[in-house]
Amino acid sequence: MINTVLITAATSREMECMNKVSAGRLKEKISMLISGIGPVSTVYAIMNYLAQNDKPNLLINIGIAGSYMGNLPVGTVVIPVSDRFADLGVCDGDYFIPLDRAGIKDDNDDYTPSGIFNAERDIVHKMTSDLSRVKAVTVSTATGSVKVREAIRSEHNPDIESMEGAAAYYVCNKQGIPCIGIRSVSNMVGPRNKSLWDIDLALEHLEQMLVKYFNDIVT
């Protein structure tokens, strides 16, 4: 049974999507953590929280994302069922090699975040089909060119990217904390043309989904 929930978001604007959520019996058992932008701050913020508090029964990472897929346009709300660090690896000329294939990790290295990290399968399965299940990547630098987009697509074939998702999943998978992400598409991944972005719409739809389905997630 879920009794305590930690909500994480990179920015206060993303966290404001929780303002209208009616949490019922969990109203006093929800903690909200603004982690800052990017994977480093996210890992630190969550670990700092865990150093001062008991582990939550569930962590929910919320925010906006970029989409690689035409069938996931701006305003689409999705559940990343898996996530990974797309730009953590080595370059050999123009060729990128992710760490899990680079051959530089120690055999007993249990900390380097290579490979795939996953959302809690049971929670994903019980959630509404209104939310598309997607494969995510996390980057330290938001993708802003066709060249980088196609390199990431060729290597990982993702549906969306964010700057924090894999960091939250990494900590939770290592700490044994059930986790899930809910992301809303604010832009299509590619050349950085902010006139084509719609962060307001993405956050509006994220808020609507949280209001409608939050209690289904934590029940």
Protein backbone atom coordinates (compact mmCIF):
# COMPACT_ATOMS: atom_id res chain seq x y z
CA MET A 1 0.00 0.00 0.00
CA ILE A 2 1.32 3.46 -0.89
CA ASN A 3 1.41 5.69 2.17
CA THR A 4 4.13 8.22 1.32
CA VAL A 5 4.87 9.86 -2.02
CA LEU A 6 7.75 12.05 -3.15
CA ILE A 7 7.07 14.28 -6.16
CA THR A 8 10.14 15.60 -7.96
CA ALA A 9 10.33 18.28 -10.64
CA ALA A 10 13.20 20.31 -12.02
CA THR A 11 11.54 23.71 -11.65
CA SER A 12 8.90 25.41 -9.56
CA ARG A 13 6.81 26.02 -12.67
CA GLU A 14 6.62 22.29 -13.36
CA MET A 15 5.85 21.56 -9.69
CA GLU A 16 2.93 24.01 -9.80
CA CYS A 17 1.10 21.37 -11.87
CA MET A 18 0.45 19.65 -8.53
CA ASN A 19 -1.35 22.65 -7.04
CA LYS A 20 -4.86 21.54 -8.00
CA VAL A 21 -4.38 17.85 -7.22
CA SER A 22 -6.68 16.50 -4.54
CA ALA A 23 -4.62 13.83 -2.81
CA GLY A 24 -7.33 12.46 -0.51
CA ARG A 25 -5.96 10.31 2.32
CA LEU A 26 -2.38 11.09 1.23
CA LYS A 27 -2.73 14.85 1.57
CA GLU A 28 -0.32 15.03 4.51
CA LYS A 29 1.95 12.28 3.17
CA ILE A 30 3.13 13.93 -0.04
CA SER A 31 6.50 15.65 -0.18
CA MET A 32 7.52 17.89 -3.07
CA LEU A 33 11.12 18.31 -4.12
CA ILE A 34 12.34 20.82 -6.71
CA SER A 35 15.58 19.20 -7.80
CA GLY A 36 17.04 21.77 -10.16
CA ILE A 37 17.75 21.19 -13.84
CA GLY A 38 19.81 18.28 -15.09
CA PRO A 39 20.87 14.84 -13.87
CA VAL A 40 23.58 15.92 -11.40
CA SER A 41 21.32 18.19 -9.36
CA THR A 42 18.52 15.62 -9.51
CA VAL A 43 20.65 12.82 -8.07
CA TYR A 44 22.00 15.11 -5.34
CA ALA A 45 18.58 16.50 -4.43
CA ILE A 46 16.98 13.07 -4.10
CA MET A 47 19.89 11.60 -2.14
CA ASN A 48 19.92 14.64 0.14
CA TYR A 49 16.20 14.14 0.74
CA LEU A 50 16.73 10.45 1.53
CA ALA A 51 19.51 11.31 3.98
CA GLN A 52 17.01 13.33 6.02
CA ASN A 53 13.77 11.36 5.52
CA ASP A 54 12.48 7.80 5.32
CA LYS A 55 12.24 6.31 1.86
CA PRO A 56 8.92 7.12 0.20
CA ASN A 57 6.69 4.29 -0.99
CA LEU A 58 6.65 5.94 -4.42
CA LEU A 59 8.56 8.64 -6.28
CA ILE A 60 6.86 10.45 -9.17
CA ASN A 61 9.02 12.55 -11.46
CA ILE A 62 7.03 15.16 -13.40
CA GLY A 63 7.88 17.77 -16.00
CA ILE A 64 8.16 18.65 -19.67
CA ALA A 65 9.99 16.77 -22.42
CA GLY A 66 11.03 16.93 -26.04
CA SER A 67 9.54 14.47 -28.52
CA TYR A 68 11.34 12.49 -31.23
CA MET A 69 8.09 11.13 -32.64
CA GLY A 70 5.55 12.76 -34.92
CA ASN A 71 2.77 10.80 -33.23
CA LEU A 72 3.71 12.43 -29.89
CA PRO A 73 3.09 16.11 -30.69
CA VAL A 74 3.32 19.07 -28.34
CA GLY A 75 0.84 18.69 -25.49
CA THR A 76 0.98 14.87 -25.37
CA VAL A 77 1.34 13.47 -21.85
CA VAL A 78 3.36 10.26 -21.55
CA ILE A 79 4.77 7.71 -19.13
CA PRO A 80 8.45 6.83 -19.61
CA VAL A 81 8.59 3.11 -18.94
CA SER A 82 12.37 3.17 -19.34
CA ASP A 83 15.05 5.82 -19.37
CA ARG A 84 18.81 6.03 -19.86
CA PHE A 85 21.61 8.60 -20.02
CA ALA A 86 21.92 9.18 -23.75
CA ASP A 87 25.10 11.24 -23.75
CA LEU A 88 27.14 9.37 -21.13
CA GLY A 89 29.89 7.55 -22.99
CA VAL A 90 32.90 8.14 -25.22
CA CYS A 91 33.34 9.53 -28.71
CA ASP A 92 35.51 7.89 -31.35
CA GLY A 93 35.66 10.55 -34.02
CA ASP A 94 32.05 11.19 -34.95
CA TYR A 95 30.92 7.86 -33.49
CA PHE A 96 29.37 7.75 -30.01
CA ILE A 97 29.79 4.67 -27.81
CA PRO A 98 27.61 4.40 -24.68
CA LEU A 99 29.35 3.36 -21.48
CA ASP A 100 27.79 -0.09 -21.40
CA ARG A 101 29.66 -0.86 -24.63
CA ALA A 102 32.77 1.26 -24.15
CA GLY A 103 34.71 -1.36 -22.20
CA ILE A 104 36.04 1.08 -19.58
CA LYS A 105 33.95 0.13 -16.53
CA ASP A 106 35.34 -2.06 -13.79
CA ASP A 107 33.60 -5.43 -13.59
CA ASN A 108 32.46 -4.72 -10.03
CA ASP A 109 31.35 -1.11 -10.74
CA ASP A 110 27.84 -0.79 -9.32
CA TYR A 111 27.62 3.00 -9.49
CA THR A 112 28.29 4.16 -13.05
CA PRO A 113 24.81 4.77 -14.50
CA SER A 114 25.13 2.86 -17.74
CA GLY A 115 22.29 0.85 -19.25
CA ILE A 116 18.55 1.20 -18.82
CA PHE A 117 16.56 2.22 -15.73
CA ASN A 118 12.89 1.37 -15.39
CA ALA A 119 9.63 2.66 -13.99
CA GLU A 120 7.70 0.45 -11.57
CA ARG A 121 5.97 -2.05 -13.85
CA ASP A 122 2.91 -2.69 -11.66
CA ILE A 123 2.10 1.01 -11.50
CA VAL A 124 2.61 1.47 -15.23
CA HIS A 125 0.25 -1.41 -15.94
CA LYS A 126 -2.59 -0.03 -13.83
CA MET A 127 -2.45 3.49 -15.26
CA THR A 128 -4.86 4.82 -17.84
CA SER A 129 -4.33 4.09 -21.51
CA ASP A 130 -4.80 7.84 -22.10
CA LEU A 131 -1.10 8.15 -21.26
CA SER A 132 1.20 6.74 -23.93
CA ARG A 133 3.98 4.46 -22.72
CA VAL A 134 7.32 5.65 -24.08
CA LYS A 135 11.03 4.96 -24.17
CA ALA A 136 12.97 7.95 -22.82
CA VAL A 137 16.50 9.27 -22.80
CA THR A 138 18.07 11.83 -20.50
CA VAL A 139 20.62 14.38 -21.67
CA SER A 140 22.79 16.95 -19.92
CA THR A 141 22.45 19.31 -22.89
CA ALA A 142 19.05 19.61 -24.55
CA THR A 143 19.30 18.46 -28.15
CA GLY A 144 19.27 21.39 -30.57
CA SER A 145 20.42 20.12 -33.95
CA VAL A 146 19.49 17.54 -36.54
CA LYS A 147 22.95 15.97 -36.30
CA VAL A 148 22.73 15.34 -32.56
CA ARG A 149 19.09 14.28 -32.78
CA GLU A 150 19.87 11.68 -35.41
CA ALA A 151 22.92 10.41 -33.51
CA ILE A 152 20.79 9.85 -30.40
CA ARG A 153 17.99 8.34 -32.46
CA SER A 154 20.42 5.97 -34.20
CA GLU A 155 21.95 4.79 -30.93
CA HIS A 156 18.94 4.69 -28.61
CA ASN A 157 15.76 5.07 -30.72
CA PRO A 158 13.94 7.09 -28.03
CA ASP A 159 10.45 8.54 -28.04
CA ILE A 160 11.21 11.51 -25.76
CA GLU A 161 14.07 13.22 -23.97
CA SER A 162 14.32 15.12 -20.72
CA MET A 163 17.18 16.33 -18.53
CA GLU A 164 16.25 14.56 -15.28
CA GLY A 165 14.22 11.39 -15.87
CA ALA A 166 17.00 8.79 -15.90
CA ALA A 167 18.58 10.40 -12.84
CA ALA A 168 15.39 9.91 -10.82
CA TYR A 169 14.97 6.34 -12.09
CA TYR A 170 18.65 5.58 -11.42
CA VAL A 171 18.45 6.60 -7.77
CA CYS A 172 15.15 4.81 -7.26
CA ASN A 173 16.30 1.58 -8.94
CA LYS A 174 19.44 1.59 -6.79
CA GLN A 175 17.58 2.45 -3.58
CA GLY A 176 14.68 0.07 -4.13
CA ILE A 177 12.08 2.86 -4.38
CA PRO A 178 9.17 2.32 -6.78
CA CYS A 179 9.11 5.16 -9.28
CA ILE A 180 7.28 6.47 -12.28
CA GLY A 181 7.56 9.52 -14.51
CA ILE A 182 4.86 11.65 -16.10
CA ARG A 183 6.07 13.98 -18.84
CA SER A 184 4.30 16.39 -21.17
CA VAL A 185 5.74 17.25 -24.57
CA SER A 186 6.68 20.92 -24.91
CA ASN A 187 8.63 20.72 -28.17
CA MET A 188 9.83 18.47 -30.94
CA VAL A 189 13.51 17.52 -30.63
CA GLY A 190 15.71 19.19 -33.24
CA PRO A 191 16.93 22.66 -34.19
CA ARG A 192 16.13 25.06 -31.37
CA ASN A 193 13.23 27.14 -32.67
CA LYS A 194 11.38 28.25 -29.56
CA SER A 195 8.55 29.74 -31.63
CA LEU A 196 7.45 26.13 -32.17
CA TRP A 197 7.55 25.28 -28.47
CA ASP A 198 4.50 25.50 -26.23
CA ILE A 199 5.51 25.08 -22.61
CA ASP A 200 2.24 26.59 -21.40
CA LEU A 201 0.20 23.96 -23.28
CA ALA A 202 2.47 21.17 -22.08
CA LEU A 203 2.11 22.22 -18.45
CA GLU A 204 -1.64 22.73 -18.81
CA HIS A 205 -2.05 19.17 -20.09
CA LEU A 206 0.29 17.80 -17.42
CA GLU A 207 -1.77 19.49 -14.73
CA GLN A 208 -4.99 18.10 -16.21
CA MET A 209 -3.64 14.56 -16.22
CA LEU A 210 -2.34 14.84 -12.66
CA VAL A 211 -5.67 16.19 -11.43
CA LYS A 212 -7.57 13.43 -13.23
CA TYR A 213 -5.37 10.42 -12.51
CA PHE A 214 -3.18 11.11 -9.48
CA ASN A 215 -5.34 9.11 -7.09
CA ASP A 216 -5.40 6.18 -9.52
CA ILE A 217 -1.59 6.15 -9.41
CA VAL A 218 -1.32 6.06 -5.63
CA THR A 219 -4.27 3.80 -4.86
